[in-house]
Protein backbone atom coordinates (compact mmCIF):
# COMPACT_ATOMS: atom_id res chain seq x y z
CA UNK A 1 -26.27 -37.63 59.28
CA UNK A 2 -26.47 -34.25 57.55
CA UNK A 3 -24.27 -33.45 54.52
CA UNK A 4 -23.56 -29.87 53.87
CA UNK A 5 -22.82 -28.85 50.42
CA UNK A 6 -20.26 -25.71 49.92
CA UNK A 7 -22.05 -22.86 48.39
CA UNK A 8 -20.42 -22.18 45.03
CA UNK A 9 -19.20 -18.50 45.13
CA UNK A 10 -20.42 -16.49 42.23
CA UNK A 11 -17.91 -14.38 40.72
CA UNK A 12 -18.87 -10.78 41.52
CA UNK A 13 -18.60 -8.23 38.65
CA UNK A 14 -15.77 -6.08 38.64
CA UNK A 15 -16.02 -2.59 38.08
CA UNK A 16 -13.45 -1.10 35.50
CA UNK A 17 -10.65 0.95 37.17
CA UNK A 18 -10.46 4.48 36.66
CA UNK A 19 -7.34 4.20 35.13
CA UNK A 20 -6.91 1.18 32.27
CA UNK A 21 -3.62 0.42 30.50
CA UNK A 22 -5.67 0.63 27.43
CA UNK A 23 -6.11 3.86 25.66
CA UNK A 24 -9.75 4.93 25.24
CA UNK A 25 -11.73 4.62 22.21
CA UNK A 26 -11.97 8.35 22.28
CA UNK A 27 -8.18 8.88 21.92
CA UNK A 28 -7.86 5.74 19.29
CA UNK A 29 -7.42 7.04 15.86
CA UNK A 30 -10.55 6.51 13.55
CA UNK A 31 -10.63 3.54 11.25
CA UNK A 32 -9.65 4.17 7.98
CA UNK A 33 -11.29 1.88 5.38
CA UNK A 34 -8.73 -0.42 3.77
CA UNK A 35 -7.88 -0.51 0.49
CA UNK A 36 -9.88 -2.93 -1.42
CA UNK A 37 -9.86 -5.70 -4.40
CA UNK A 38 -12.60 -3.16 -6.00
CA UNK A 39 -10.57 -0.32 -5.34
CA UNK A 40 -7.57 -2.26 -7.00
CA UNK A 41 -9.59 -3.17 -10.09
CA UNK A 42 -10.87 0.63 -10.31
CA UNK A 43 -7.36 1.71 -9.81
CA UNK A 44 -6.32 -1.03 -12.55
CA UNK A 45 -8.73 0.31 -15.25
CA UNK A 46 -7.93 3.62 -14.71
CA UNK A 47 -4.13 2.70 -15.01
CA UNK A 48 -5.21 0.96 -18.42
CA UNK A 49 -6.84 3.82 -20.06
CA UNK A 50 -4.15 6.20 -18.84
CA UNK A 51 -1.34 3.87 -20.24
CA UNK A 52 -3.45 3.72 -24.00
CA UNK A 53 -3.97 7.47 -24.02
CA UNK A 54 -0.13 7.56 -24.09
CA UNK A 55 0.33 4.63 -26.35
CA UNK A 56 2.26 2.53 -23.23
CA UNK A 57 2.22 -0.72 -22.92
CA UNK A 58 3.10 -2.08 -19.62
CA UNK A 59 1.69 -3.48 -16.36
CA UNK A 60 -0.02 -2.23 -13.38
CA UNK A 61 0.62 -3.49 -9.65
CA UNK A 62 -1.75 -2.77 -6.50
CA UNK A 63 -0.62 -3.52 -3.17
CA UNK A 64 -2.54 -2.92 0.47
CA UNK A 65 -0.97 -1.53 3.14
CA UNK A 66 1.11 -4.55 4.61
CA UNK A 67 2.60 -4.88 0.72
CA UNK A 68 0.28 -7.75 -0.26
CA UNK A 69 -0.70 -7.99 -3.88
CA UNK A 70 -4.72 -6.59 -4.33
CA UNK A 71 -4.09 -6.55 -8.37
CA UNK A 72 -1.97 -6.91 -11.25
CA UNK A 73 -2.45 -6.78 -15.30
CA UNK A 74 0.20 -6.92 -17.53
CA UNK A 75 -0.86 -5.76 -21.10
CA UNK A 76 -0.54 -8.91 -23.72
CA UNK A 77 2.30 -6.99 -25.45
CA UNK A 78 4.31 -5.53 -22.83
CA UNK A 79 7.76 -6.48 -22.10
CA UNK A 80 7.92 -9.20 -19.30
CA UNK A 81 9.96 -7.21 -17.05
CA UNK A 82 7.29 -4.79 -16.91
CA UNK A 83 5.70 -6.81 -14.31
CA UNK A 84 8.23 -7.35 -11.72
CA UNK A 85 9.22 -3.38 -12.19
CA UNK A 86 5.86 -2.20 -11.38
CA UNK A 87 5.39 -4.72 -8.53
CA UNK A 88 8.59 -3.20 -7.20
CA UNK A 89 7.95 0.36 -7.58
CA UNK A 90 4.90 -0.03 -5.63
CA UNK A 91 6.19 -1.61 -2.69
CA UNK A 92 9.21 0.98 -2.75
CA UNK A 93 6.50 3.52 -2.70
CA UNK A 94 4.53 1.77 0.13
CA UNK A 95 7.47 1.23 1.91
CA UNK A 96 8.88 4.83 1.80
CA UNK A 97 5.19 6.27 1.83
CA UNK A 98 6.36 8.54 -0.95
CA UNK A 99 6.41 8.75 -4.82
CA UNK A 100 9.50 7.05 -6.32
CA UNK A 101 9.89 9.53 -8.84
CA UNK A 102 10.97 11.73 -5.53
CA UNK A 103 13.27 9.23 -4.33
CA UNK A 104 15.53 8.49 -7.73
CA UNK A 105 18.24 11.00 -6.41
CA UNK A 106 18.56 9.48 -2.82
CA UNK A 107 20.16 6.24 -4.31
CA UNK A 108 22.69 7.88 -6.25
CA UNK A 109 26.28 7.44 -5.24
CA UNK A 110 26.11 10.37 -2.68
CA UNK A 111 22.91 9.79 -1.84
CA UNK A 112 21.16 9.27 1.54
CA UNK A 113 19.70 5.84 0.46
CA UNK A 114 22.68 4.73 -1.66
CA UNK A 115 22.79 1.19 -0.19
CA UNK A 116 19.24 0.75 0.62
CA UNK A 117 17.95 -0.82 -3.16
CA UNK A 118 20.00 -4.09 -2.11
CA UNK A 119 20.04 -4.15 1.65
CA UNK A 120 16.79 -5.59 2.03
CA UNK A 121 15.51 -9.06 1.45
CA UNK A 122 12.87 -7.84 -1.11
CA UNK A 123 14.37 -5.54 -3.37
CA UNK A 124 13.29 -1.82 -3.56
CA UNK A 125 13.28 -0.20 -7.20
CA UNK A 126 13.81 3.37 -7.33
CA UNK A 127 12.50 4.68 -10.61
CA UNK A 128 9.47 6.46 -11.14
CA UNK A 129 5.87 5.10 -11.30
CA UNK A 130 5.29 3.84 -7.73
CA UNK A 131 2.72 5.98 -6.03
CA UNK A 132 1.49 5.36 -2.33
CA UNK A 133 -2.17 5.63 -1.76
CA UNK A 134 -3.78 7.49 1.28
CA UNK A 135 -7.37 7.63 2.65
CA UNK A 136 -8.25 10.38 5.23
CA UNK A 137 -4.70 10.86 5.71
CA UNK A 138 -3.39 7.21 6.17
CA UNK A 139 -1.42 5.15 4.21
CA UNK A 140 -3.57 2.10 2.33
CA UNK A 141 -1.43 0.74 -0.49
CA UNK A 142 0.33 1.60 -3.23
CA UNK A 143 0.35 1.59 -7.01
CA UNK A 144 3.08 0.92 -9.48
CA UNK A 145 3.33 1.07 -13.03
CA UNK A 146 6.02 -0.12 -15.37
CA UNK A 147 6.75 -0.51 -19.00
CA UNK A 148 7.11 3.13 -20.39
CA UNK A 149 9.41 5.59 -19.95
CA UNK A 150 9.48 6.59 -16.02
CA UNK A 151 8.07 9.90 -16.69
CA UNK A 152 5.12 8.32 -18.24
CA UNK A 153 4.80 5.45 -15.84
CA UNK A 154 4.59 8.26 -13.09
CA UNK A 155 1.80 9.89 -15.26
CA UNK A 156 -0.04 6.77 -15.47
CA UNK A 157 -0.08 5.88 -11.87
CA UNK A 158 -1.22 9.56 -10.72
CA UNK A 159 -3.81 9.99 -13.44
CA UNK A 160 -5.18 6.74 -12.20
CA UNK A 161 -5.23 7.72 -8.67
CA UNK A 162 -6.83 10.87 -9.48
CA UNK A 163 -9.46 8.86 -11.66
CA UNK A 164 -10.28 6.15 -9.03
CA UNK A 165 -10.92 8.77 -6.18
CA UNK A 166 -10.29 6.18 -3.29
CA UNK A 167 -11.75 8.84 -0.91
C-alpha cells in the first residue's frame, strides 16, 4: 500500500505591479526631524533669558506638532494665569499655523474668527505671544509665552526662536 503525501506548494514570489496604489518614495515629502524635548528645553532657556532682559516674569510652553506638551516653565513669581495663557497661545499658534499677534483682529466682533475662541473643546487664545515653529518649511510645533504685555510676550517668543536656531 502506497500512500502519497501531497506536495506542499511553495508560494510564488510576486513581482510588484507597475502601478501600485501607494505613492513612490520619490514622490513622498522628505521626512522632517520632529521637535524634541531637547529643542523644547533650548527654547525655554532662550525665552527665560529674553524675559529676564525685559524684566518679565511669566511662563513658557512648547508643544509638538500634535499639540502635546513638550516643555513648560513658570517663573516662581509669575502670576498663575500665565501658565494657562502661555499654553493656550502655543496651541492657538499651532492650530492656525500663525503667530497669535497676527490673529488678534480676526476675533473682533466683525472678524472672520469671531466665534472661534469658544467654538472648540480646547479653547484658543488670540493674544500676542504664541508663535508656530517650522523646520524645513514644515510645522513642527509652537511656543507660547504669557505673563508680560502681549507685545513683550511676542518679542520673548520670537527672540527665543531666533536664539534656539532649530534648523
